[in-house]
């Protein structure tokens, strides 16, 4: 299962969806596409908007700038991930530990 932890200006995406075999998993591919596209857009518009790190099965995003554009990109990303989690309840779980924009 992919777990997405949300806390004050930090998002962690951890694990594998286990929807299908590695390399054929549409849930993992969707999650990766949503997160990667959102991070790339935020950095393209403001290269100091966030930092990210990818290690094995963990992708961490630290939001450095809370301007309106960065907020909109991140909120859109989370909305897409929430839709994915609703559709694939056994494969994606979102855990809000804290509000993102305190």
PDB file of N, CA and C in Angstrom:
ATOM      1  N   UNK A   1       0.842  -1.179   0.000  1.00  0.00           N
ATOM      2  CA  UNK A   1       0.000   0.000   0.000  1.00  0.00           C
ATOM      3  C   UNK A   1       0.888   1.244   0.000  1.00  0.00           C
ATOM      4  N   UNK A   2       0.483   2.229  -0.781  1.00  0.00           N
ATOM      5  CA  UNK A   2       1.144   3.534  -0.767  1.00  0.00           C
ATOM      6  C   UNK A   2       0.519   4.338   0.361  1.00  0.00           C
ATOM      7  N   UNK A   3       1.375   4.892   1.202  1.00  0.00           N
ATOM      8  CA  UNK A   3       0.906   5.768   2.279  1.00  0.00           C
ATOM      9  C   UNK A   3       1.459   7.165   2.013  1.00  0.00           C
ATOM     10  N   UNK A   4       0.557   8.140   2.127  1.00  0.00           N
ATOM     11  CA  UNK A   4       0.937   9.534   1.901  1.00  0.00           C
ATOM     12  C   UNK A   4       0.715  10.273   3.212  1.00  0.00           C
ATOM     13  N   UNK A   5       1.807  10.686   3.833  1.00  0.00           N
ATOM     14  CA  UNK A   5       1.752  11.396   5.110  1.00  0.00           C
ATOM     15  C   UNK A   5       1.848  12.891   4.839  1.00  0.00           C
ATOM     16  N   UNK A   6       0.942  13.632   5.450  1.00  0.00           N
ATOM     17  CA  UNK A   6       0.902  15.078   5.280  1.00  0.00           C
ATOM     18  C   UNK A   6       1.045  15.719   6.644  1.00  0.00           C
ATOM     19  N   UNK A   7       2.024  16.575   6.780  1.00  0.00           N
ATOM     20  CA  UNK A   7       2.183  17.376   7.986  1.00  0.00           C
ATOM     21  C   UNK A   7       2.715  18.727   7.587  1.00  0.00           C
ATOM     22  N   UNK A   8       2.774  19.627   8.492  1.00  0.00           N
ATOM     23  CA  UNK A   8       3.104  21.013   8.216  1.00  0.00           C
ATOM     24  C   UNK A   8       4.257  21.163   7.221  1.00  0.00           C
ATOM     25  N   UNK A   9       3.904  21.509   5.985  1.00  0.00           N
ATOM     26  CA  UNK A   9       4.827  21.795   4.889  1.00  0.00           C
ATOM     27  C   UNK A   9       5.729  20.617   4.512  1.00  0.00           C
ATOM     28  N   UNK A  10       5.259  19.397   4.782  1.00  0.00           N
ATOM     29  CA  UNK A  10       6.018  18.204   4.409  1.00  0.00           C
ATOM     30  C   UNK A  10       5.046  17.121   3.948  1.00  0.00           C
ATOM     31  N   UNK A  11       5.405  16.465   2.842  1.00  0.00           N
ATOM     32  CA  UNK A  11       4.609  15.363   2.302  1.00  0.00           C
ATOM     33  C   UNK A  11       5.557  14.203   2.046  1.00  0.00           C
ATOM     34  N   UNK A  12       5.195  13.027   2.560  1.00  0.00           N
ATOM     35  CA  UNK A  12       5.976  11.820   2.320  1.00  0.00           C
ATOM     36  C   UNK A  12       5.097  10.794   1.614  1.00  0.00           C
ATOM     37  N   UNK A  13       5.611  10.250   0.533  1.00  0.00           N
ATOM     38  CA  UNK A  13       4.925   9.204  -0.216  1.00  0.00           C
ATOM     39  C   UNK A  13       5.793   7.956  -0.068  1.00  0.00           C
ATOM     40  N   UNK A  14       5.211   6.923   0.567  1.00  0.00           N
ATOM     41  CA  UNK A  14       6.002   5.752   0.938  1.00  0.00           C
ATOM     42  C   UNK A  14       5.308   4.471   0.466  1.00  0.00           C
ATOM     43  N   UNK A  15       6.093   3.558  -0.085  1.00  0.00           N
ATOM     44  CA  UNK A  15       5.599   2.222  -0.368  1.00  0.00           C
ATOM     45  C   UNK A  15       5.252   1.961  -1.814  1.00  0.00           C
ATOM     46  N   UNK A  16       4.645   0.797  -2.020  1.00  0.00           N
ATOM     47  CA  UNK A  16       4.218   0.325  -3.340  1.00  0.00           C
ATOM     48  C   UNK A  16       2.752  -0.038  -3.253  1.00  0.00           C
ATOM     49  N   UNK A  17       1.999   0.231  -4.281  1.00  0.00           N
ATOM     50  CA  UNK A  17       0.549   0.026  -4.258  1.00  0.00           C
ATOM     51  C   UNK A  17       0.157  -1.448  -4.186  1.00  0.00           C
ATOM     52  N   UNK A  18       0.965  -2.321  -4.759  1.00  0.00           N
ATOM     53  CA  UNK A  18       0.647  -3.750  -4.822  1.00  0.00           C
ATOM     54  C   UNK A  18      -0.660  -4.025  -5.556  1.00  0.00           C
ATOM     55  N   UNK A  19      -0.990  -3.184  -6.495  1.00  0.00           N
ATOM     56  CA  UNK A  19      -2.175  -3.395  -7.331  1.00  0.00           C
ATOM     57  C   UNK A  19      -1.877  -4.441  -8.406  1.00  0.00           C
ATOM     58  N   UNK A  20      -0.647  -4.418  -8.918  1.00  0.00           N
ATOM     59  CA  UNK A  20      -0.206  -5.360  -9.948  1.00  0.00           C
ATOM     60  C   UNK A  20       1.295  -5.561  -9.777  1.00  0.00           C
ATOM     61  N   UNK A  21       1.876  -6.402 -10.614  1.00  0.00           N
ATOM     62  CA  UNK A  21       3.307  -6.658 -10.559  1.00  0.00           C
ATOM     63  C   UNK A  21       4.088  -5.368 -10.784  1.00  0.00           C
ATOM     64  N   UNK A  22       5.282  -5.341 -10.198  1.00  0.00           N
ATOM     65  CA  UNK A  22       6.167  -4.202 -10.366  1.00  0.00           C
ATOM     66  C   UNK A  22       6.388  -3.947 -11.858  1.00  0.00           C
ATOM     67  N   UNK A  23       6.252  -2.695 -12.259  1.00  0.00           N
ATOM     68  CA  UNK A  23       6.408  -2.320 -13.656  1.00  0.00           C
ATOM     69  C   UNK A  23       5.113  -2.345 -14.450  1.00  0.00           C
ATOM     70  N   UNK A  24       4.063  -2.929 -13.866  1.00  0.00           N
ATOM     71  CA  UNK A  24       2.758  -3.000 -14.532  1.00  0.00           C
ATOM     72  C   UNK A  24       1.659  -2.421 -13.657  1.00  0.00           C
ATOM     73  N   UNK A  25       2.048  -1.777 -12.584  1.00  0.00           N
ATOM     74  CA  UNK A  25       1.103  -1.288 -11.575  1.00  0.00           C
ATOM     75  C   UNK A  25       0.616   0.120 -11.932  1.00  0.00           C
ATOM     76  N   UNK A  26      -0.643   0.219 -12.383  1.00  0.00           N
ATOM     77  CA  UNK A  26      -1.189   1.515 -12.805  1.00  0.00           C
ATOM     78  C   UNK A  26      -1.379   2.474 -11.633  1.00  0.00           C
ATOM     79  N   UNK A  27      -1.565   1.959 -10.433  1.00  0.00           N
ATOM     80  CA  UNK A  27      -1.743   2.830  -9.269  1.00  0.00           C
ATOM     81  C   UNK A  27      -0.406   3.471  -8.907  1.00  0.00           C
ATOM     82  N   UNK A  28       0.658   2.678  -8.909  1.00  0.00           N
ATOM     83  CA  UNK A  28       1.992   3.244  -8.659  1.00  0.00           C
ATOM     84  C   UNK A  28       2.375   4.242  -9.751  1.00  0.00           C
ATOM     85  N   UNK A  29       2.099   3.879 -10.978  1.00  0.00           N
ATOM     86  CA  UNK A  29       2.427   4.776 -12.093  1.00  0.00           C
ATOM     87  C   UNK A  29       1.657   6.081 -11.991  1.00  0.00           C
ATOM     88  N   UNK A  30       0.392   5.995 -11.624  1.00  0.00           N
ATOM     89  CA  UNK A  30      -0.429   7.209 -11.470  1.00  0.00           C
ATOM     90  C   UNK A  30       0.101   8.086 -10.348  1.00  0.00           C
ATOM     91  N   UNK A  31       0.412   7.464  -9.220  1.00  0.00           N
ATOM     92  CA  UNK A  31       0.945   8.217  -8.082  1.00  0.00           C
ATOM     93  C   UNK A  31       2.251   8.904  -8.468  1.00  0.00           C
ATOM     94  N   UNK A  32       3.143   8.174  -9.092  1.00  0.00           N
ATOM     95  CA  UNK A  32       4.429   8.741  -9.517  1.00  0.00           C
ATOM     96  C   UNK A  32       4.240   9.889 -10.496  1.00  0.00           C
ATOM     97  N   UNK A  33       3.342   9.721 -11.441  1.00  0.00           N
ATOM     98  CA  UNK A  33       3.100  10.768 -12.435  1.00  0.00           C
ATOM     99  C   UNK A  33       2.535  12.031 -11.787  1.00  0.00           C
ATOM    100  N   UNK A  34       1.588  11.862 -10.881  1.00  0.00           N
ATOM    101  CA  UNK A  34       0.986  13.015 -10.194  1.00  0.00           C
ATOM    102  C   UNK A  34       2.039  13.766  -9.398  1.00  0.00           C
ATOM    103  N   UNK A  35       2.818  13.043  -8.596  1.00  0.00           N
ATOM    104  CA  UNK A  35       3.811  13.678  -7.718  1.00  0.00           C
ATOM    105  C   UNK A  35       4.941  14.301  -8.535  1.00  0.00           C
ATOM    106  N   UNK A  36       5.474  13.564  -9.485  1.00  0.00           N
ATOM    107  CA  UNK A  36       6.595  14.069 -10.280  1.00  0.00           C
ATOM    108  C   UNK A  36       6.206  15.291 -11.106  1.00  0.00           C
ATOM    109  N   UNK A  37       5.056  15.244 -11.742  1.00  0.00           N
ATOM    110  CA  UNK A  37       4.598  16.378 -12.544  1.00  0.00           C
ATOM    111  C   UNK A  37       4.391  17.614 -11.675  1.00  0.00           C
ATOM    112  N   UNK A  38       3.805  17.430 -10.510  1.00  0.00           N
ATOM    113  CA  UNK A  38       3.558  18.557  -9.606  1.00  0.00           C
ATOM    114  C   UNK A  38       4.852  19.166  -9.095  1.00  0.00           C
ATOM    115  N   UNK A  39       5.784  18.337  -8.684  1.00  0.00           N
ATOM    116  CA  UNK A  39       7.084  18.827  -8.205  1.00  0.00           C
ATOM    117  C   UNK A  39       7.820  19.553  -9.328  1.00  0.00           C
ATOM    118  N   UNK A  40       7.835  18.966 -10.507  1.00  0.00           N
ATOM    119  CA  UNK A  40       8.525  19.609 -11.640  1.00  0.00           C
ATOM    120  C   UNK A  40       7.911  20.960 -11.987  1.00  0.00           C
ATOM    121  N   UNK A  41       6.580  21.056 -11.964  1.00  0.00           N
ATOM    122  CA  UNK A  41       5.926  22.336 -12.263  1.00  0.00           C
ATOM    123  C   UNK A  41       6.268  23.378 -11.204  1.00  0.00           C
ATOM    124  N   UNK A  42       6.178  23.007  -9.941  1.00  0.00           N
ATOM    125  CA  UNK A  42       6.498  23.956  -8.867  1.00  0.00           C
ATOM    126  C   UNK A  42       7.930  24.467  -9.002  1.00  0.00           C
ATOM    127  N   UNK A  43       8.854  23.564  -9.277  1.00  0.00           N
ATOM    128  CA  UNK A  43      10.257  23.962  -9.413  1.00  0.00           C
ATOM    129  C   UNK A  43      10.517  24.765 -10.683  1.00  0.00           C
ATOM    130  N   UNK A  44       9.773  24.480 -11.739  1.00  0.00           N
ATOM    131  CA  UNK A  44       9.938  25.241 -12.978  1.00  0.00           C
ATOM    132  C   UNK A  44       9.493  26.696 -12.780  1.00  0.00           C
ATOM    133  N   UNK A  45       8.414  26.888 -12.017  1.00  0.00           N
ATOM    134  CA  UNK A  45       7.900  28.240 -11.791  1.00  0.00           C
ATOM    135  C   UNK A  45       8.685  28.994 -10.713  1.00  0.00           C
ATOM    136  N   UNK A  46       9.234  28.240  -9.754  1.00  0.00           N
ATOM    137  CA  UNK A  46      10.032  28.847  -8.690  1.00  0.00           C
ATOM    138  C   UNK A  46      10.969  27.771  -8.155  1.00  0.00           C
ATOM    139  N   UNK A  47      12.231  27.838  -8.551  1.00  0.00           N
ATOM    140  CA  UNK A  47      13.160  26.776  -8.169  1.00  0.00           C
ATOM    141  C   UNK A  47      13.503  26.740  -6.684  1.00  0.00           C
ATOM    142  N   UNK A  48      12.959  27.671  -5.928  1.00  0.00           N
ATOM    143  CA  UNK A  48      13.147  27.670  -4.476  1.00  0.00           C
ATOM    144  C   UNK A  48      11.837  27.376  -3.729  1.00  0.00           C
ATOM    145  N   UNK A  49      10.835  26.880  -4.457  1.00  0.00           N
ATOM    146  CA  UNK A  49       9.526  26.637  -3.848  1.00  0.00           C
ATOM    147  C   UNK A  49       9.509  25.408  -2.952  1.00  0.00           C
ATOM    148  N   UNK A  50      10.330  24.415  -3.286  1.00  0.00           N
ATOM    149  CA  UNK A  50      10.353  23.192  -2.485  1.00  0.00           C
ATOM    150  C   UNK A  50      11.646  22.435  -2.713  1.00  0.00           C
ATOM    151  N   UNK A  51      11.872  21.475  -1.841  1.00  0.00           N
ATOM    152  CA  UNK A  51      12.969  20.523  -1.986  1.00  0.00           C
ATOM    153  C   UNK A  51      12.339  19.140  -1.993  1.00  0.00           C
ATOM    154  N   UNK A  52      12.982  18.224  -2.679  1.00  0.00           N
ATOM    155  CA  UNK A  52      12.477  16.852  -2.650  1.00  0.00           C
ATOM    156  C   UNK A  52      13.651  15.885  -2.585  1.00  0.00           C
ATOM    157  N   UNK A  53      13.347  14.706  -2.083  1.00  0.00           N
ATOM    158  CA  UNK A  53      14.347  13.657  -1.979  1.00  0.00           C
ATOM    159  C   UNK A  53      13.662  12.335  -2.286  1.00  0.00           C
ATOM    160  N   UNK A  54      14.327  11.500  -3.038  1.00  0.00           N
ATOM    161  CA  UNK A  54      13.790  10.188  -3.370  1.00  0.00           C
ATOM    162  C   UNK A  54      14.783   9.119  -2.927  1.00  0.00           C
ATOM    163  N   UNK A  55      14.324   8.228  -2.052  1.00  0.00           N
ATOM    164  CA  UNK A  55      15.132   7.108  -1.571  1.00  0.00           C
ATOM    165  C   UNK A  55      14.299   5.846  -1.641  1.00  0.00           C
ATOM    166  N   UNK A  56      14.739   4.861  -2.394  1.00  0.00           N
ATOM    167  CA  UNK A  56      14.050   3.568  -2.501  1.00  0.00           C
ATOM    168  C   UNK A  56      12.557   3.759  -2.712  1.00  0.00           C
ATOM    169  N   UNK A  57      11.745   3.412  -1.726  1.00  0.00           N
ATOM    170  CA  UNK A  57      10.286   3.513  -1.835  1.00  0.00           C
ATOM    171  C   UNK A  57       9.739   4.722  -1.091  1.00  0.00           C
ATOM    172  N   UNK A  58      10.535   5.777  -0.963  1.00  0.00           N
ATOM    173  CA  UNK A  58      10.099   6.962  -0.215  1.00  0.00           C
ATOM    174  C   UNK A  58      10.429   8.227  -1.006  1.00  0.00           C
ATOM    175  N   UNK A  59       9.419   9.074  -1.156  1.00  0.00           N
ATOM    176  CA  UNK A  59       9.572  10.361  -1.829  1.00  0.00           C
ATOM    177  C   UNK A  59       9.139  11.427  -0.839  1.00  0.00           C
ATOM    178  N   UNK A  60      10.041  12.342  -0.490  1.00  0.00           N
ATOM    179  CA  UNK A  60       9.764  13.377   0.499  1.00  0.00           C
ATOM    180  C   UNK A  60       9.789  14.747  -0.167  1.00  0.00           C
ATOM    181  N   UNK A  61       8.751  15.544   0.111  1.00  0.00           N
ATOM    182  CA  UNK A  61       8.661  16.908  -0.393  1.00  0.00           C
ATOM    183  C   UNK A  61       8.630  17.846   0.803  1.00  0.00           C
ATOM    184  N   UNK A  62       9.558  18.774   0.854  1.00  0.00           N
ATOM    185  CA  UNK A  62       9.560  19.839   1.856  1.00  0.00           C
ATOM    186  C   UNK A  62       9.206  21.139   1.149  1.00  0.00           C
ATOM    187  N   UNK A  63       8.109  21.734   1.553  1.00  0.00           N
ATOM    188  CA  UNK A  63       7.635  22.961   0.914  1.00  0.00           C
ATOM    189  C   UNK A  63       8.320  24.149   1.586  1.00  0.00           C
ATOM    190  N   UNK A  64       9.061  24.915   0.807  1.00  0.00           N
ATOM    191  CA  UNK A  64       9.835  26.038   1.334  1.00  0.00           C
ATOM    192  C   UNK A  64       9.127  27.374   1.153  1.00  0.00           C
ATOM    193  N   UNK A  65       8.230  27.443   0.178  1.00  0.00           N
ATOM    194  CA  UNK A  65       7.576  28.700  -0.157  1.00  0.00           C
ATOM    195  C   UNK A  65       6.065  28.483  -0.177  1.00  0.00           C
ATOM    196  N   UNK A  66       5.342  29.299   0.566  1.00  0.00           N
ATOM    197  CA  UNK A  66       3.878  29.160   0.637  1.00  0.00           C
ATOM    198  C   UNK A  66       3.158  30.211  -0.196  1.00  0.00           C
ATOM    199  N   UNK A  67       3.763  30.614  -1.317  1.00  0.00           N
ATOM    200  CA  UNK A  67       3.087  31.585  -2.175  1.00  0.00           C
ATOM    201  C   UNK A  67       1.863  30.924  -2.816  1.00  0.00           C
ATOM    202  N   UNK A  68       1.002  31.737  -3.399  1.00  0.00           N
ATOM    203  CA  UNK A  68      -0.261  31.240  -3.951  1.00  0.00           C
ATOM    204  C   UNK A  68      -0.060  30.191  -5.043  1.00  0.00           C
ATOM    205  N   UNK A  69       0.932  30.367  -5.889  1.00  0.00           N
ATOM    206  CA  UNK A  69       1.163  29.425  -6.991  1.00  0.00           C
ATOM    207  C   UNK A  69       1.604  28.071  -6.446  1.00  0.00           C
ATOM    208  N   UNK A  70       2.546  28.069  -5.525  1.00  0.00           N
ATOM    209  CA  UNK A  70       3.008  26.811  -4.929  1.00  0.00           C
ATOM    210  C   UNK A  70       1.865  26.115  -4.201  1.00  0.00           C
ATOM    211  N   UNK A  71       1.089  26.864  -3.439  1.00  0.00           N
ATOM    212  CA  UNK A  71      -0.060  26.282  -2.740  1.00  0.00           C
ATOM    213  C   UNK A  71      -1.042  25.642  -3.718  1.00  0.00           C
ATOM    214  N   UNK A  72      -1.311  26.325  -4.812  1.00  0.00           N
ATOM    215  CA  UNK A  72      -2.260  25.812  -5.806  1.00  0.00           C
ATOM    216  C   UNK A  72      -1.753  24.514  -6.436  1.00  0.00           C
ATOM    217  N   UNK A  73      -0.475  24.463  -6.756  1.00  0.00           N
ATOM    218  CA  UNK A  73       0.106  23.249  -7.347  1.00  0.00           C
ATOM    219  C   UNK A  73       0.036  22.093  -6.355  1.00  0.00           C
ATOM    220  N   UNK A  74       0.433  22.338  -5.120  1.00  0.00           N
ATOM    221  CA  UNK A  74       0.430  21.276  -4.103  1.00  0.00           C
ATOM    222  C   UNK A  74      -0.997  20.858  -3.761  1.00  0.00           C
ATOM    223  N   UNK A  75      -1.898  21.801  -3.638  1.00  0.00           N
ATOM    224  CA  UNK A  75      -3.303  21.457  -3.365  1.00  0.00           C
ATOM    225  C   UNK A  75      -3.902  20.634  -4.502  1.00  0.00           C
ATOM    226  N   UNK A  76      -3.555  20.972  -5.743  1.00  0.00           N
ATOM    227  CA  UNK A  76      -4.019  20.194  -6.890  1.00  0.00           C
ATOM    228  C   UNK A  76      -3.453  18.774  -6.838  1.00  0.00           C
ATOM    229  N   UNK A  77      -2.179  18.655  -6.521  1.00  0.00           N
ATOM    230  CA  UNK A  77      -1.549  17.341  -6.396  1.00  0.00           C
ATOM    231  C   UNK A  77      -2.279  16.495  -5.354  1.00  0.00           C
ATOM    232  N   UNK A  78      -2.547  17.095  -4.190  1.00  0.00           N
ATOM    233  CA  UNK A  78      -3.227  16.357  -3.124  1.00  0.00           C
ATOM    234  C   UNK A  78      -4.649  15.983  -3.511  1.00  0.00           C
ATOM    235  N   UNK A  79      -5.322  16.850  -4.242  1.00  0.00           N
ATOM    236  CA  UNK A  79      -6.668  16.542  -4.710  1.00  0.00           C
ATOM    237  C   UNK A  79      -6.661  15.338  -5.651  1.00  0.00           C
ATOM    238  N   UNK A  80      -5.705  15.300  -6.560  1.00  0.00           N
ATOM    239  CA  UNK A  80      -5.579  14.163  -7.476  1.00  0.00           C
ATOM    240  C   UNK A  80      -5.253  12.877  -6.713  1.00  0.00           C
ATOM    241  N   UNK A  81      -4.370  12.980  -5.716  1.00  0.00           N
ATOM    242  CA  UNK A  81      -4.029  11.804  -4.908  1.00  0.00           C
ATOM    243  C   UNK A  81      -5.225  11.330  -4.073  1.00  0.00           C
ATOM    244  N   UNK A  82      -6.034  12.274  -3.576  1.00  0.00           N
ATOM    245  CA  UNK A  82      -7.245  11.899  -2.837  1.00  0.00           C
ATOM    246  C   UNK A  82      -8.228  11.166  -3.737  1.00  0.00           C
ATOM    247  N   UNK A  83      -8.380  11.619  -4.972  1.00  0.00           N
ATOM    248  CA  UNK A  83      -9.246  10.923  -5.930  1.00  0.00           C
ATOM    249  C   UNK A  83      -8.735   9.502  -6.179  1.00  0.00           C
ATOM    250  N   UNK A  84      -7.440   9.360  -6.320  1.00  0.00           N
ATOM    251  CA  UNK A  84      -6.836   8.048  -6.531  1.00  0.00           C
ATOM    252  C   UNK A  84      -7.070   7.146  -5.313  1.00  0.00           C
ATOM    253  N   UNK A  85      -6.913   7.713  -4.118  1.00  0.00           N
ATOM    254  CA  UNK A  85      -7.122   6.944  -2.886  1.00  0.00           C
ATOM    255  C   UNK A  85      -8.579   6.502  -2.736  1.00  0.00           C
ATOM    256  N   UNK A  86      -9.513   7.319  -3.190  1.00  0.00           N
ATOM    257  CA  UNK A  86     -10.938   6.943  -3.133  1.00  0.00           C
ATOM    258  C   UNK A  86     -11.231   5.788  -4.082  1.00  0.00           C
ATOM    259  N   UNK A  87     -10.599   5.804  -5.233  1.00  0.00           N
ATOM    260  CA  UNK A  87     -10.835   4.773  -6.238  1.00  0.00           C
ATOM    261  C   UNK A  87     -10.126   3.467  -5.880  1.00  0.00           C
ATOM    262  N   UNK A  88      -8.936   3.568  -5.312  1.00  0.00           N
ATOM    263  CA  UNK A  88      -8.121   2.392  -4.980  1.00  0.00           C
ATOM    264  C   UNK A  88      -7.860   2.353  -3.474  1.00  0.00           C
ATOM    265  N   UNK A  89      -8.922   2.138  -2.712  1.00  0.00           N
ATOM    266  CA  UNK A  89      -8.858   2.185  -1.244  1.00  0.00           C
ATOM    267  C   UNK A  89      -7.891   1.174  -0.643  1.00  0.00           C
ATOM    268  N   UNK A  90      -7.698   0.052  -1.289  1.00  0.00           N
ATOM    269  CA  UNK A  90      -6.798  -0.977  -0.772  1.00  0.00           C
ATOM    270  C   UNK A  90      -5.340  -0.710  -1.128  1.00  0.00           C
ATOM    271  N   UNK A  91      -5.108   0.304  -1.950  1.00  0.00           N
ATOM    272  CA  UNK A  91      -3.765   0.526  -2.470  1.00  0.00           C
ATOM    273  C   UNK A  91      -3.142   1.869  -2.114  1.00  0.00           C
ATOM    274  N   UNK A  92      -3.965   2.851  -1.768  1.00  0.00           N
ATOM    275  CA  UNK A  92      -3.457   4.193  -1.450  1.00  0.00           C
ATOM    276  C   UNK A  92      -4.181   4.707  -0.216  1.00  0.00           C
ATOM    277  N   UNK A  93      -3.415   5.210   0.738  1.00  0.00           N
ATOM    278  CA  UNK A  93      -3.997   5.779   1.957  1.00  0.00           C
ATOM    279  C   UNK A  93      -3.326   7.110   2.240  1.00  0.00           C
ATOM    280  N   UNK A  94      -4.146   8.117   2.537  1.00  0.00           N
ATOM    281  CA  UNK A  94      -3.636   9.443   2.885  1.00  0.00           C
ATOM    282  C   UNK A  94      -3.829   9.649   4.379  1.00  0.00           C
ATOM    283  N   UNK A  95      -2.746  10.025   5.049  1.00  0.00           N
ATOM    284  CA  UNK A  95      -2.764  10.226   6.497  1.00  0.00           C
ATOM    285  C   UNK A  95      -2.363  11.671   6.773  1.00  0.00           C
ATOM    286  N   UNK A  96      -3.328  12.456   7.244  1.00  0.00           N
ATOM    287  CA  UNK A  96      -3.034  13.851   7.585  1.00  0.00           C
ATOM    288  C   UNK A  96      -2.664  13.908   9.063  1.00  0.00           C
ATOM    289  N   UNK A  97      -1.384  14.103   9.322  1.00  0.00           N
ATOM    290  CA  UNK A  97      -0.902  14.212  10.698  1.00  0.00           C
ATOM    291  C   UNK A  97      -1.083  15.637  11.213  1.00  0.00           C
ATOM    292  N   UNK A  98      -0.949  16.580  10.317  1.00  0.00           N
ATOM    293  CA  UNK A  98      -1.144  18.004  10.613  1.00  0.00           C
ATOM    294  C   UNK A  98      -1.641  18.672   9.346  1.00  0.00           C
ATOM    295  N   UNK A  99      -2.230  19.836   9.478  1.00  0.00           N
ATOM    296  CA  UNK A  99      -2.599  20.609   8.308  1.00  0.00           C
ATOM    297  C   UNK A  99      -1.347  21.048   7.576  1.00  0.00           C
ATOM    298  N   UNK A 100      -1.421  21.089   6.286  1.00  0.00           N
ATOM    299  CA  UNK A 100      -0.264  21.435   5.468  1.00  0.00           C
ATOM    300  C   UNK A 100       0.102  22.907   5.570  1.00  0.00           C
ATOM    301  N   UNK A 101      -0.909  23.768   5.622  1.00  0.00           N
ATOM    302  CA  UNK A 101      -0.661  25.206   5.574  1.00  0.00           C
ATOM    303  C   UNK A 101      -0.969  25.868   6.917  1.00  0.00           C
ATOM    304  N   UNK A 102      -0.212  25.543   7.928  1.00  0.00           N
ATOM    305  CA  UNK A 102      -0.393  26.187   9.247  1.00  0.00           C
ATOM    306  C   UNK A 102       0.176  27.583   9.257  1.00  0.00           C
TER     307      UNK A 102
END
